[in-house]
Amino acid sequence: MLEKEVTIQVDPGLQARPAAQFVQKANGFTSEIFIEKDEKRINAKSIMGLMSLALTKGNIIKIMTDGDDDQEALDDLVAFVENKQ
């Protein structure tokens, strides 16, 4: 399992449209993908799970990936959260 802590730079955070885009990206990978914030872990392929974290710009989260394409998934999702895509 790979993991990385990142600060959300997407404005206004992973809410509404950015959350849907993140989940769509996550679902493009075969790896299991999780997000953790304040010791609460959710499946990053679930829009409801992601919305339940109420992630806003400036929040620090941990993205975890595990599977055949885990490095690619981690790199892509970290870049999205850091607003580099």
N, C-alpha and C. Protein backbone atom coordinates (compact mmCIF):
# COMPACT_ATOMS: atom_id res chain seq x y z
N MET A 1 0.85 -1.19 0.00
CA MET A 1 0.00 0.00 0.00
C MET A 1 0.88 1.24 0.00
N LEU A 2 0.55 2.18 -0.89
CA LEU A 2 1.23 3.46 -0.96
C LEU A 2 0.35 4.51 -0.30
N GLU A 3 0.98 5.52 0.28
CA GLU A 3 0.19 6.60 0.88
C GLU A 3 0.98 7.90 0.85
N LYS A 4 0.22 9.00 0.84
CA LYS A 4 0.84 10.32 0.84
C LYS A 4 -0.10 11.32 1.47
N GLU A 5 0.46 12.17 2.34
CA GLU A 5 -0.32 13.27 2.91
C GLU A 5 -0.24 14.46 1.98
N VAL A 6 -1.37 15.07 1.72
CA VAL A 6 -1.43 16.23 0.83
C VAL A 6 -2.35 17.29 1.41
N THR A 7 -2.10 18.53 1.02
CA THR A 7 -2.98 19.64 1.39
C THR A 7 -3.87 19.95 0.20
N ILE A 8 -5.15 20.02 0.44
CA ILE A 8 -6.11 20.29 -0.64
C ILE A 8 -5.93 21.72 -1.13
N GLN A 9 -5.67 21.86 -2.42
CA GLN A 9 -5.49 23.17 -3.05
C GLN A 9 -6.63 23.50 -4.01
N VAL A 10 -7.49 22.52 -4.28
CA VAL A 10 -8.65 22.73 -5.17
C VAL A 10 -9.61 23.68 -4.45
N ASP A 11 -10.07 24.70 -5.18
CA ASP A 11 -10.99 25.66 -4.59
C ASP A 11 -12.42 25.32 -5.01
N PRO A 12 -13.37 25.15 -4.13
CA PRO A 12 -13.37 25.42 -2.70
C PRO A 12 -12.99 24.20 -1.85
N GLY A 13 -12.55 23.13 -2.46
CA GLY A 13 -12.24 21.88 -1.77
C GLY A 13 -12.85 20.74 -2.56
N LEU A 14 -12.89 19.57 -1.96
CA LEU A 14 -13.50 18.42 -2.65
C LEU A 14 -14.98 18.36 -2.32
N GLN A 15 -15.70 19.31 -2.88
CA GLN A 15 -17.14 19.41 -2.71
C GLN A 15 -17.77 19.59 -4.08
N ALA A 16 -18.99 19.09 -4.24
CA ALA A 16 -19.75 19.22 -5.48
C ALA A 16 -18.96 18.77 -6.70
N ARG A 17 -18.73 19.66 -7.66
CA ARG A 17 -18.08 19.27 -8.92
C ARG A 17 -16.68 18.70 -8.72
N PRO A 18 -15.78 19.34 -7.94
CA PRO A 18 -14.45 18.74 -7.74
C PRO A 18 -14.52 17.34 -7.11
N ALA A 19 -15.47 17.13 -6.21
CA ALA A 19 -15.62 15.80 -5.60
C ALA A 19 -16.03 14.78 -6.64
N ALA A 20 -16.95 15.14 -7.50
CA ALA A 20 -17.40 14.23 -8.56
C ALA A 20 -16.25 13.92 -9.52
N GLN A 21 -15.45 14.93 -9.85
CA GLN A 21 -14.31 14.72 -10.74
C GLN A 21 -13.27 13.81 -10.08
N PHE A 22 -13.04 14.00 -8.78
CA PHE A 22 -12.08 13.16 -8.06
C PHE A 22 -12.54 11.71 -8.06
N VAL A 23 -13.81 11.48 -7.74
CA VAL A 23 -14.35 10.11 -7.71
C VAL A 23 -14.28 9.48 -9.11
N GLN A 24 -14.58 10.26 -10.13
CA GLN A 24 -14.49 9.75 -11.50
C GLN A 24 -13.06 9.33 -11.82
N LYS A 25 -12.08 10.14 -11.43
CA LYS A 25 -10.67 9.78 -11.64
C LYS A 25 -10.34 8.51 -10.87
N ALA A 26 -10.74 8.44 -9.62
CA ALA A 26 -10.45 7.27 -8.77
C ALA A 26 -11.03 6.01 -9.38
N ASN A 27 -12.23 6.10 -9.93
CA ASN A 27 -12.88 4.93 -10.51
C ASN A 27 -12.21 4.48 -11.81
N GLY A 28 -11.31 5.29 -12.35
CA GLY A 28 -10.58 4.91 -13.55
C GLY A 28 -9.41 3.97 -13.27
N PHE A 29 -9.15 3.71 -12.00
CA PHE A 29 -8.05 2.83 -11.61
C PHE A 29 -8.60 1.54 -11.01
N THR A 30 -7.84 0.46 -11.16
CA THR A 30 -8.26 -0.82 -10.59
C THR A 30 -7.89 -0.94 -9.11
N SER A 31 -6.93 -0.17 -8.68
CA SER A 31 -6.48 -0.22 -7.28
C SER A 31 -7.58 0.20 -6.32
N GLU A 32 -7.48 -0.30 -5.09
CA GLU A 32 -8.31 0.21 -4.01
C GLU A 32 -7.75 1.57 -3.62
N ILE A 33 -8.62 2.54 -3.39
CA ILE A 33 -8.17 3.89 -3.07
C ILE A 33 -8.98 4.39 -1.88
N PHE A 34 -8.26 4.90 -0.89
CA PHE A 34 -8.90 5.42 0.32
C PHE A 34 -8.38 6.82 0.62
N ILE A 35 -9.22 7.58 1.30
CA ILE A 35 -8.83 8.89 1.83
C ILE A 35 -9.06 8.85 3.32
N GLU A 36 -8.10 9.41 4.05
CA GLU A 36 -8.21 9.46 5.50
C GLU A 36 -8.05 10.91 5.96
N LYS A 37 -8.95 11.32 6.86
CA LYS A 37 -8.88 12.64 7.48
C LYS A 37 -9.33 12.49 8.93
N ASP A 38 -8.50 12.95 9.83
CA ASP A 38 -8.83 12.87 11.26
C ASP A 38 -9.22 11.46 11.66
N GLU A 39 -8.47 10.48 11.20
CA GLU A 39 -8.66 9.07 11.53
C GLU A 39 -9.96 8.47 10.99
N LYS A 40 -10.66 9.20 10.12
CA LYS A 40 -11.82 8.64 9.44
C LYS A 40 -11.38 8.27 8.03
N ARG A 41 -11.59 7.00 7.65
CA ARG A 41 -11.16 6.49 6.35
C ARG A 41 -12.38 6.16 5.50
N ILE A 42 -12.34 6.64 4.24
CA ILE A 42 -13.45 6.36 3.31
C ILE A 42 -12.90 5.79 2.02
N ASN A 43 -13.76 5.11 1.28
CA ASN A 43 -13.44 4.62 -0.05
C ASN A 43 -13.52 5.82 -1.01
N ALA A 44 -12.40 6.13 -1.66
CA ALA A 44 -12.35 7.31 -2.52
C ALA A 44 -13.15 7.14 -3.80
N LYS A 45 -13.67 5.94 -4.05
CA LYS A 45 -14.50 5.72 -5.23
C LYS A 45 -15.98 5.93 -4.93
N SER A 46 -16.27 6.38 -3.71
CA SER A 46 -17.65 6.61 -3.27
C SER A 46 -17.90 8.10 -3.10
N ILE A 47 -18.80 8.66 -3.90
CA ILE A 47 -19.10 10.09 -3.79
C ILE A 47 -19.70 10.41 -2.42
N MET A 48 -20.52 9.52 -1.89
CA MET A 48 -21.13 9.76 -0.58
C MET A 48 -20.07 9.74 0.52
N GLY A 49 -19.13 8.81 0.41
CA GLY A 49 -18.06 8.76 1.40
C GLY A 49 -17.22 10.02 1.36
N LEU A 50 -16.88 10.44 0.16
CA LEU A 50 -16.06 11.64 0.00
C LEU A 50 -16.78 12.87 0.53
N MET A 51 -18.05 13.00 0.20
CA MET A 51 -18.83 14.15 0.68
C MET A 51 -18.95 14.16 2.20
N SER A 52 -18.96 12.98 2.81
CA SER A 52 -19.10 12.89 4.27
C SER A 52 -17.91 13.49 5.00
N LEU A 53 -16.76 13.61 4.33
CA LEU A 53 -15.59 14.20 4.97
C LEU A 53 -15.61 15.73 4.96
N ALA A 54 -16.47 16.32 4.13
CA ALA A 54 -16.60 17.78 4.02
C ALA A 54 -15.22 18.45 3.87
N LEU A 55 -14.49 18.04 2.86
CA LEU A 55 -13.12 18.51 2.65
C LEU A 55 -13.09 19.88 1.99
N THR A 56 -12.39 20.81 2.63
CA THR A 56 -12.28 22.16 2.10
C THR A 56 -10.81 22.48 1.79
N LYS A 57 -10.61 23.54 1.03
CA LYS A 57 -9.27 23.97 0.67
C LYS A 57 -8.47 24.20 1.95
N GLY A 58 -7.25 23.66 1.98
CA GLY A 58 -6.39 23.80 3.15
C GLY A 58 -6.38 22.59 4.07
N ASN A 59 -7.40 21.72 3.94
CA ASN A 59 -7.42 20.49 4.74
C ASN A 59 -6.26 19.59 4.34
N ILE A 60 -5.72 18.88 5.31
CA ILE A 60 -4.67 17.89 5.04
C ILE A 60 -5.31 16.51 5.10
N ILE A 61 -5.12 15.74 4.03
CA ILE A 61 -5.67 14.39 3.95
C ILE A 61 -4.56 13.42 3.59
N LYS A 62 -4.85 12.15 3.80
CA LYS A 62 -3.94 11.10 3.37
C LYS A 62 -4.64 10.31 2.28
N ILE A 63 -3.97 10.15 1.14
CA ILE A 63 -4.50 9.33 0.05
C ILE A 63 -3.72 8.02 0.07
N MET A 64 -4.45 6.90 0.07
CA MET A 64 -3.83 5.58 0.11
C MET A 64 -4.30 4.77 -1.09
N THR A 65 -3.36 4.09 -1.75
CA THR A 65 -3.70 3.27 -2.91
C THR A 65 -3.07 1.90 -2.74
N ASP A 66 -3.75 0.88 -3.24
CA ASP A 66 -3.24 -0.48 -3.16
C ASP A 66 -3.76 -1.28 -4.34
N GLY A 67 -2.85 -1.76 -5.19
CA GLY A 67 -3.25 -2.56 -6.34
C GLY A 67 -2.24 -2.46 -7.47
N ASP A 68 -2.64 -2.99 -8.62
CA ASP A 68 -1.74 -3.07 -9.78
C ASP A 68 -1.29 -1.70 -10.29
N ASP A 69 -2.16 -0.70 -10.20
CA ASP A 69 -1.81 0.63 -10.71
C ASP A 69 -1.74 1.67 -9.59
N ASP A 70 -1.30 1.22 -8.40
CA ASP A 70 -1.33 2.09 -7.23
C ASP A 70 -0.46 3.34 -7.35
N GLN A 71 0.74 3.23 -7.95
CA GLN A 71 1.60 4.41 -8.08
C GLN A 71 0.99 5.43 -9.04
N GLU A 72 0.48 4.95 -10.15
CA GLU A 72 -0.17 5.85 -11.12
C GLU A 72 -1.39 6.53 -10.50
N ALA A 73 -2.19 5.76 -9.77
CA ALA A 73 -3.38 6.31 -9.12
C ALA A 73 -2.99 7.37 -8.09
N LEU A 74 -1.99 7.05 -7.27
CA LEU A 74 -1.56 8.00 -6.24
C LEU A 74 -1.06 9.29 -6.89
N ASP A 75 -0.20 9.17 -7.88
CA ASP A 75 0.35 10.36 -8.55
C ASP A 75 -0.74 11.22 -9.16
N ASP A 76 -1.69 10.59 -9.85
CA ASP A 76 -2.76 11.31 -10.53
C ASP A 76 -3.69 12.02 -9.54
N LEU A 77 -4.06 11.32 -8.48
CA LEU A 77 -4.99 11.91 -7.51
C LEU A 77 -4.33 12.98 -6.66
N VAL A 78 -3.06 12.80 -6.33
CA VAL A 78 -2.34 13.84 -5.59
C VAL A 78 -2.24 15.10 -6.45
N ALA A 79 -1.92 14.94 -7.71
CA ALA A 79 -1.84 16.09 -8.62
C ALA A 79 -3.18 16.82 -8.71
N PHE A 80 -4.28 16.05 -8.75
CA PHE A 80 -5.61 16.67 -8.81
C PHE A 80 -5.89 17.48 -7.54
N VAL A 81 -5.63 16.88 -6.39
CA VAL A 81 -5.91 17.54 -5.10
C VAL A 81 -5.04 18.78 -4.93
N GLU A 82 -3.80 18.70 -5.42
CA GLU A 82 -2.90 19.85 -5.31
C GLU A 82 -3.13 20.86 -6.44
N ASN A 83 -4.19 20.63 -7.23
CA ASN A 83 -4.61 21.56 -8.29
C ASN A 83 -3.53 21.75 -9.36
N LYS A 84 -2.85 20.64 -9.69
CA LYS A 84 -1.79 20.71 -10.70
C LYS A 84 -2.24 20.11 -12.02
N GLN A 85 -3.53 19.80 -12.15
CA GLN A 85 -4.06 19.24 -13.40
C GLN A 85 -5.16 20.12 -13.91
